[in-house]
Structures are given as structure tokens and as C-alpha cells.
Amino acid sequence: MSMVRYFATKAAMKFHDFFSKENGEVNIVAIVVLIGIAVLLAIVFRGAITNLLNSLFGTIENNAQNAIN
């Protein structure tokens, strides 16, 4: 029975350590900043991105129609 108690205590310690340590907070802030920059760029260049995607899908559609014919 002492082995079960040992593993239960060890698991409880690991669980507590997982939720109490804050080693990854800098990475989370960096990821949020990068996502914010990507969203801002998408908003600024929304028209250019829309035109590019319309052109690409139009080319794909034309090529698909030519392949079918």
C-alpha cells in the first residue's frame, strides 16, 4: 500500500507544479503580440489581399474549366 501512496503523492506534486510554475508567460505574450501584428496587417492590406485571392481563385477556376473541356 505504501507504493500506491508514494505514486499518489508524486502525482499530486506534479499536478501542483504544473499549475503553479509560470515559465511560459513570456512566450504567451510574444505569441499574442505576433497575432496582433498579423491581424493589424490583414486589416491594413484587406483590399490587396481580397484582390489577390480573387485573382488566384479566378485563375484556378479557369484552369479547371479548361481541363474539363
PDB file of N, CA and C in Angstrom:
ATOM      1  N   MET A   1       0.821  -1.200   0.000  1.00  0.00           N
ATOM      2  CA  MET A   1       0.000   0.000   0.000  1.00  0.00           C
ATOM      3  C   MET A   1       0.861   1.259   0.000  1.00  0.00           C
ATOM      4  N   SER A   2       2.082   1.165   0.472  1.00  0.00           N
ATOM      5  CA  SER A   2       2.941   2.340   0.515  1.00  0.00           C
ATOM      6  C   SER A   2       3.350   2.784  -0.889  1.00  0.00           C
ATOM      7  N   MET A   3       3.436   1.847  -1.858  1.00  0.00           N
ATOM      8  CA  MET A   3       3.758   2.215  -3.238  1.00  0.00           C
ATOM      9  C   MET A   3       2.639   3.053  -3.848  1.00  0.00           C
ATOM     10  N   VAL A   4       1.406   2.691  -3.570  1.00  0.00           N
ATOM     11  CA  VAL A   4       0.269   3.444  -4.085  1.00  0.00           C
ATOM     12  C   VAL A   4       0.283   4.851  -3.505  1.00  0.00           C
ATOM     13  N   ARG A   5       0.551   4.951  -2.214  1.00  0.00           N
ATOM     14  CA  ARG A   5       0.610   6.262  -1.563  1.00  0.00           C
ATOM     15  C   ARG A   5       1.760   7.090  -2.137  1.00  0.00           C
ATOM     16  N   TYR A   6       2.892   6.447  -2.411  1.00  0.00           N
ATOM     17  CA  TYR A   6       4.051   7.134  -2.983  1.00  0.00           C
ATOM     18  C   TYR A   6       3.696   7.721  -4.357  1.00  0.00           C
ATOM     19  N   PHE A   7       3.083   6.911  -5.219  1.00  0.00           N
ATOM     20  CA  PHE A   7       2.730   7.386  -6.552  1.00  0.00           C
ATOM     21  C   PHE A   7       1.632   8.446  -6.496  1.00  0.00           C
ATOM     22  N   ALA A   8       0.705   8.325  -5.569  1.00  0.00           N
ATOM     23  CA  ALA A   8      -0.350   9.331  -5.426  1.00  0.00           C
ATOM     24  C   ALA A   8       0.250  10.667  -4.983  1.00  0.00           C
ATOM     25  N   THR A   9       1.192  10.617  -4.052  1.00  0.00           N
ATOM     26  CA  THR A   9       1.859  11.833  -3.592  1.00  0.00           C
ATOM     27  C   THR A   9       2.677  12.462  -4.716  1.00  0.00           C
ATOM     28  N   LYS A  10       3.387  11.619  -5.449  1.00  0.00           N
ATOM     29  CA  LYS A  10       4.197  12.100  -6.564  1.00  0.00           C
ATOM     30  C   LYS A  10       3.305  12.757  -7.634  1.00  0.00           C
ATOM     31  N   ALA A  11       2.178  12.147  -7.959  1.00  0.00           N
ATOM     32  CA  ALA A  11       1.244  12.700  -8.938  1.00  0.00           C
ATOM     33  C   ALA A  11       0.670  14.030  -8.448  1.00  0.00           C
ATOM     34  N   ALA A  12       0.341  14.117  -7.171  1.00  0.00           N
ATOM     35  CA  ALA A  12      -0.191  15.361  -6.614  1.00  0.00           C
ATOM     36  C   ALA A  12       0.851  16.475  -6.692  1.00  0.00           C
ATOM     37  N   MET A  13       2.105  16.146  -6.446  1.00  0.00           N
ATOM     38  CA  MET A  13       3.175  17.140  -6.531  1.00  0.00           C
ATOM     39  C   MET A  13       3.355  17.626  -7.972  1.00  0.00           C
ATOM     40  N   LYS A  14       3.325  16.699  -8.927  1.00  0.00           N
ATOM     41  CA  LYS A  14       3.451  17.070 -10.338  1.00  0.00           C
ATOM     42  C   LYS A  14       2.283  17.961 -10.764  1.00  0.00           C
ATOM     43  N   PHE A  15       1.075  17.616 -10.326  1.00  0.00           N
ATOM     44  CA  PHE A  15      -0.118  18.396 -10.639  1.00  0.00           C
ATOM     45  C   PHE A  15       0.021  19.813 -10.088  1.00  0.00           C
ATOM     46  N   HIS A  16       0.469  19.929  -8.859  1.00  0.00           N
ATOM     47  CA  HIS A  16       0.643  21.238  -8.231  1.00  0.00           C
ATOM     48  C   HIS A  16       1.721  22.048  -8.951  1.00  0.00           C
ATOM     49  N   ASP A  17       2.835  21.418  -9.298  1.00  0.00           N
ATOM     50  CA  ASP A  17       3.911  22.106 -10.009  1.00  0.00           C
ATOM     51  C   ASP A  17       3.453  22.598 -11.378  1.00  0.00           C
ATOM     52  N   PHE A  18       2.661  21.795 -12.064  1.00  0.00           N
ATOM     53  CA  PHE A  18       2.190  22.157 -13.404  1.00  0.00           C
ATOM     54  C   PHE A  18       1.377  23.445 -13.369  1.00  0.00           C
ATOM     55  N   PHE A  19       0.524  23.603 -12.374  1.00  0.00           N
ATOM     56  CA  PHE A  19      -0.339  24.770 -12.313  1.00  0.00           C
ATOM     57  C   PHE A  19       0.268  25.946 -11.551  1.00  0.00           C
ATOM     58  N   SER A  20       1.367  25.758 -10.852  1.00  0.00           N
ATOM     59  CA  SER A  20       1.939  26.853 -10.084  1.00  0.00           C
ATOM     60  C   SER A  20       3.136  27.503 -10.753  1.00  0.00           C
ATOM     61  N   LYS A  21       3.841  26.806 -11.632  1.00  0.00           N
ATOM     62  CA  LYS A  21       5.000  27.391 -12.303  1.00  0.00           C
ATOM     63  C   LYS A  21       4.547  28.249 -13.468  1.00  0.00           C
ATOM     64  N   GLU A  22       5.245  29.367 -13.680  1.00  0.00           N
ATOM     65  CA  GLU A  22       4.885  30.307 -14.736  1.00  0.00           C
ATOM     66  C   GLU A  22       6.058  30.517 -15.681  1.00  0.00           C
ATOM     67  N   ASN A  23       6.662  29.462 -16.150  1.00  0.00           N
ATOM     68  CA  ASN A  23       7.826  29.572 -17.017  1.00  0.00           C
ATOM     69  C   ASN A  23       7.486  30.052 -18.407  1.00  0.00           C
ATOM     70  N   GLY A  24       6.284  29.813 -18.898  1.00  0.00           N
ATOM     71  CA  GLY A  24       5.944  30.105 -20.277  1.00  0.00           C
ATOM     72  C   GLY A  24       5.262  31.433 -20.508  1.00  0.00           C
ATOM     73  N   GLU A  25       5.204  32.318 -19.529  1.00  0.00           N
ATOM     74  CA  GLU A  25       4.443  33.545 -19.687  1.00  0.00           C
ATOM     75  C   GLU A  25       5.037  34.478 -20.733  1.00  0.00           C
ATOM     76  N   VAL A  26       6.338  34.510 -20.901  1.00  0.00           N
ATOM     77  CA  VAL A  26       6.960  35.377 -21.896  1.00  0.00           C
ATOM     78  C   VAL A  26       6.608  34.898 -23.296  1.00  0.00           C
ATOM     79  N   ASN A  27       6.585  33.608 -23.509  1.00  0.00           N
ATOM     80  CA  ASN A  27       6.227  33.070 -24.815  1.00  0.00           C
ATOM     81  C   ASN A  27       4.785  33.399 -25.170  1.00  0.00           C
ATOM     82  N   ILE A  28       3.903  33.362 -24.207  1.00  0.00           N
ATOM     83  CA  ILE A  28       2.500  33.664 -24.458  1.00  0.00           C
ATOM     84  C   ILE A  28       2.339  35.121 -24.869  1.00  0.00           C
ATOM     85  N   VAL A  29       3.056  36.023 -24.194  1.00  0.00           N
ATOM     86  CA  VAL A  29       2.988  37.442 -24.544  1.00  0.00           C
ATOM     87  C   VAL A  29       3.508  37.661 -25.959  1.00  0.00           C
ATOM     88  N   ALA A  30       4.603  37.001 -26.318  1.00  0.00           N
ATOM     89  CA  ALA A  30       5.165  37.143 -27.663  1.00  0.00           C
ATOM     90  C   ALA A  30       4.186  36.638 -28.717  1.00  0.00           C
ATOM     91  N   ILE A  31       3.531  35.530 -28.448  1.00  0.00           N
ATOM     92  CA  ILE A  31       2.563  34.977 -29.399  1.00  0.00           C
ATOM     93  C   ILE A  31       1.380  35.922 -29.572  1.00  0.00           C
ATOM     94  N   VAL A  32       0.896  36.491 -28.483  1.00  0.00           N
ATOM     95  CA  VAL A  32      -0.235  37.431 -28.567  1.00  0.00           C
ATOM     96  C   VAL A  32       0.153  38.661 -29.364  1.00  0.00           C
ATOM     97  N   VAL A  33       1.371  39.172 -29.160  1.00  0.00           N
ATOM     98  CA  VAL A  33       1.830  40.342 -29.911  1.00  0.00           C
ATOM     99  C   VAL A  33       1.929  40.015 -31.397  1.00  0.00           C
ATOM    100  N   LEU A  34       2.470  38.854 -31.738  1.00  0.00           N
ATOM    101  CA  LEU A  34       2.585  38.460 -33.142  1.00  0.00           C
ATOM    102  C   LEU A  34       1.217  38.290 -33.801  1.00  0.00           C
ATOM    103  N   ILE A  35       0.267  37.709 -33.083  1.00  0.00           N
ATOM    104  CA  ILE A  35      -1.091  37.569 -33.619  1.00  0.00           C
ATOM    105  C   ILE A  35      -1.711  38.946 -33.837  1.00  0.00           C
ATOM    106  N   GLY A  36      -1.481  39.861 -32.906  1.00  0.00           N
ATOM    107  CA  GLY A  36      -1.994  41.221 -33.053  1.00  0.00           C
ATOM    108  C   GLY A  36      -1.416  41.923 -34.272  1.00  0.00           C
ATOM    109  N   ILE A  37      -0.123  41.748 -34.509  1.00  0.00           N
ATOM    110  CA  ILE A  37       0.514  42.341 -35.686  1.00  0.00           C
ATOM    111  C   ILE A  37      -0.065  41.742 -36.964  1.00  0.00           C
ATOM    112  N   ALA A  38      -0.263  40.422 -36.979  1.00  0.00           N
ATOM    113  CA  ALA A  38      -0.824  39.768 -38.168  1.00  0.00           C
ATOM    114  C   ALA A  38      -2.240  40.274 -38.452  1.00  0.00           C
ATOM    115  N   VAL A  39      -3.043  40.441 -37.417  1.00  0.00           N
ATOM    116  CA  VAL A  39      -4.410  40.944 -37.601  1.00  0.00           C
ATOM    117  C   VAL A  39      -4.380  42.389 -38.100  1.00  0.00           C
ATOM    118  N   LEU A  40      -3.498  43.193 -37.548  1.00  0.00           N
ATOM    119  CA  LEU A  40      -3.380  44.585 -37.978  1.00  0.00           C
ATOM    120  C   LEU A  40      -2.965  44.673 -39.441  1.00  0.00           C
ATOM    121  N   LEU A  41      -1.992  43.859 -39.859  1.00  0.00           N
ATOM    122  CA  LEU A  41      -1.572  43.852 -41.260  1.00  0.00           C
ATOM    123  C   LEU A  41      -2.699  43.382 -42.176  1.00  0.00           C
ATOM    124  N   ALA A  42      -3.469  42.405 -41.730  1.00  0.00           N
ATOM    125  CA  ALA A  42      -4.593  41.918 -42.535  1.00  0.00           C
ATOM    126  C   ALA A  42      -5.646  43.011 -42.701  1.00  0.00           C
ATOM    127  N   ILE A  43      -5.856  43.802 -41.664  1.00  0.00           N
ATOM    128  CA  ILE A  43      -6.839  44.889 -41.760  1.00  0.00           C
ATOM    129  C   ILE A  43      -6.335  45.987 -42.691  1.00  0.00           C
ATOM    130  N   VAL A  44      -5.048  46.323 -42.565  1.00  0.00           N
ATOM    131  CA  VAL A  44      -4.487  47.399 -43.383  1.00  0.00           C
ATOM    132  C   VAL A  44      -4.482  47.020 -44.862  1.00  0.00           C
ATOM    133  N   PHE A  45      -4.096  45.769 -45.160  1.00  0.00           N
ATOM    134  CA  PHE A  45      -3.981  45.336 -46.547  1.00  0.00           C
ATOM    135  C   PHE A  45      -5.169  44.482 -46.997  1.00  0.00           C
ATOM    136  N   ARG A  46      -6.326  44.715 -46.417  1.00  0.00           N
ATOM    137  CA  ARG A  46      -7.507  43.915 -46.710  1.00  0.00           C
ATOM    138  C   ARG A  46      -7.879  43.953 -48.191  1.00  0.00           C
ATOM    139  N   GLY A  47      -7.841  45.125 -48.792  1.00  0.00           N
ATOM    140  CA  GLY A  47      -8.200  45.254 -50.201  1.00  0.00           C
ATOM    141  C   GLY A  47      -7.239  44.505 -51.110  1.00  0.00           C
ATOM    142  N   ALA A  48      -5.953  44.632 -50.845  1.00  0.00           N
ATOM    143  CA  ALA A  48      -4.951  43.947 -51.667  1.00  0.00           C
ATOM    144  C   ALA A  48      -5.064  42.432 -51.518  1.00  0.00           C
ATOM    145  N   ILE A  49      -5.311  41.980 -50.293  1.00  0.00           N
ATOM    146  CA  ILE A  49      -5.451  40.539 -50.050  1.00  0.00           C
ATOM    147  C   ILE A  49      -6.691  40.002 -50.767  1.00  0.00           C
ATOM    148  N   THR A  50      -7.779  40.764 -50.720  1.00  0.00           N
ATOM    149  CA  THR A  50      -9.012  40.344 -51.400  1.00  0.00           C
ATOM    150  C   THR A  50      -8.796  40.246 -52.905  1.00  0.00           C
ATOM    151  N   ASN A  51      -8.136  41.249 -53.471  1.00  0.00           N
ATOM    152  CA  ASN A  51      -7.859  41.219 -54.912  1.00  0.00           C
ATOM    153  C   ASN A  51      -6.969  40.041 -55.282  1.00  0.00           C
ATOM    154  N   LEU A  52      -5.953  39.781 -54.484  1.00  0.00           N
ATOM    155  CA  LEU A  52      -5.052  38.659 -54.746  1.00  0.00           C
ATOM    156  C   LEU A  52      -5.798  37.336 -54.707  1.00  0.00           C
ATOM    157  N   LEU A  53      -6.632  37.142 -53.692  1.00  0.00           N
ATOM    158  CA  LEU A  53      -7.374  35.882 -53.574  1.00  0.00           C
ATOM    159  C   LEU A  53      -8.382  35.723 -54.710  1.00  0.00           C
ATOM    160  N   ASN A  54      -9.056  36.811 -55.092  1.00  0.00           N
ATOM    161  CA  ASN A  54      -9.996  36.734 -56.217  1.00  0.00           C
ATOM    162  C   ASN A  54      -9.268  36.359 -57.500  1.00  0.00           C
ATOM    163  N   SER A  55      -8.102  36.945 -57.705  1.00  0.00           N
ATOM    164  CA  SER A  55      -7.317  36.629 -58.897  1.00  0.00           C
ATOM    165  C   SER A  55      -6.865  35.164 -58.892  1.00  0.00           C
ATOM    166  N   LEU A  56      -6.389  34.703 -57.757  1.00  0.00           N
ATOM    167  CA  LEU A  56      -5.936  33.311 -57.655  1.00  0.00           C
ATOM    168  C   LEU A  56      -7.077  32.328 -57.889  1.00  0.00           C
ATOM    169  N   PHE A  57      -8.213  32.566 -57.258  1.00  0.00           N
ATOM    170  CA  PHE A  57      -9.337  31.645 -57.425  1.00  0.00           C
ATOM    171  C   PHE A  57      -9.912  31.716 -58.839  1.00  0.00           C
ATOM    172  N   GLY A  58      -9.864  32.903 -59.453  1.00  0.00           N
ATOM    173  CA  GLY A  58     -10.308  33.016 -60.837  1.00  0.00           C
ATOM    174  C   GLY A  58      -9.419  32.213 -61.778  1.00  0.00           C
ATOM    175  N   THR A  59      -8.103  32.279 -61.542  1.00  0.00           N
ATOM    176  CA  THR A  59      -7.167  31.501 -62.352  1.00  0.00           C
ATOM    177  C   THR A  59      -7.383  30.007 -62.159  1.00  0.00           C
ATOM    178  N   ILE A  60      -7.589  29.606 -60.941  1.00  0.00           N
ATOM    179  CA  ILE A  60      -7.835  28.184 -60.655  1.00  0.00           C
ATOM    180  C   ILE A  60      -9.114  27.726 -61.343  1.00  0.00           C
ATOM    181  N   GLU A  61     -10.146  28.539 -61.259  1.00  0.00           N
ATOM    182  CA  GLU A  61     -11.422  28.179 -61.893  1.00  0.00           C
ATOM    183  C   GLU A  61     -11.288  28.084 -63.404  1.00  0.00           C
ATOM    184  N   ASN A  62     -10.582  29.038 -64.019  1.00  0.00           N
ATOM    185  CA  ASN A  62     -10.376  28.998 -65.472  1.00  0.00           C
ATOM    186  C   ASN A  62      -9.576  27.768 -65.885  1.00  0.00           C
ATOM    187  N   ASN A  63      -8.523  27.451 -65.131  1.00  0.00           N
ATOM    188  CA  ASN A  63      -7.719  26.268 -65.444  1.00  0.00           C
ATOM    189  C   ASN A  63      -8.533  24.990 -65.278  1.00  0.00           C
ATOM    190  N   ALA A  64      -9.396  24.966 -64.282  1.00  0.00           N
ATOM    191  CA  ALA A  64     -10.240  23.773 -64.072  1.00  0.00           C
ATOM    192  C   ALA A  64     -11.228  23.629 -65.222  1.00  0.00           C
ATOM    193  N   GLN A  65     -11.805  24.736 -65.668  1.00  0.00           N
ATOM    194  CA  GLN A  65     -12.742  24.696 -66.797  1.00  0.00           C
ATOM    195  C   GLN A  65     -12.034  24.240 -68.071  1.00  0.00           C
ATOM    196  N   ASN A  66     -10.802  24.730 -68.294  1.00  0.00           N
ATOM    197  CA  ASN A  66     -10.030  24.330 -69.466  1.00  0.00           C
ATOM    198  C   ASN A  66      -9.667  22.843 -69.390  1.00  0.00           C
ATOM    199  N   ALA A  67      -9.387  22.344 -68.210  1.00  0.00           N
ATOM    200  CA  ALA A  67      -9.040  20.930 -68.066  1.00  0.00           C
ATOM    201  C   ALA A  67     -10.255  20.047 -68.330  1.00  0.00           C
ATOM    202  N   ILE A  68     -11.428  20.520 -67.936  1.00  0.00           N
ATOM    203  CA  ILE A  68     -12.650  19.741 -68.162  1.00  0.00           C
ATOM    204  C   ILE A  68     -12.993  19.717 -69.640  1.00  0.00           C
ATOM    205  N   ASN A  69     -12.820  20.848 -70.329  1.00  0.00           N
ATOM    206  CA  ASN A  69     -13.148  20.929 -71.760  1.00  0.00           C
ATOM    207  C   ASN A  69     -12.052  20.234 -72.512  1.00  0.00           C
TER     208      ASN A  69
END
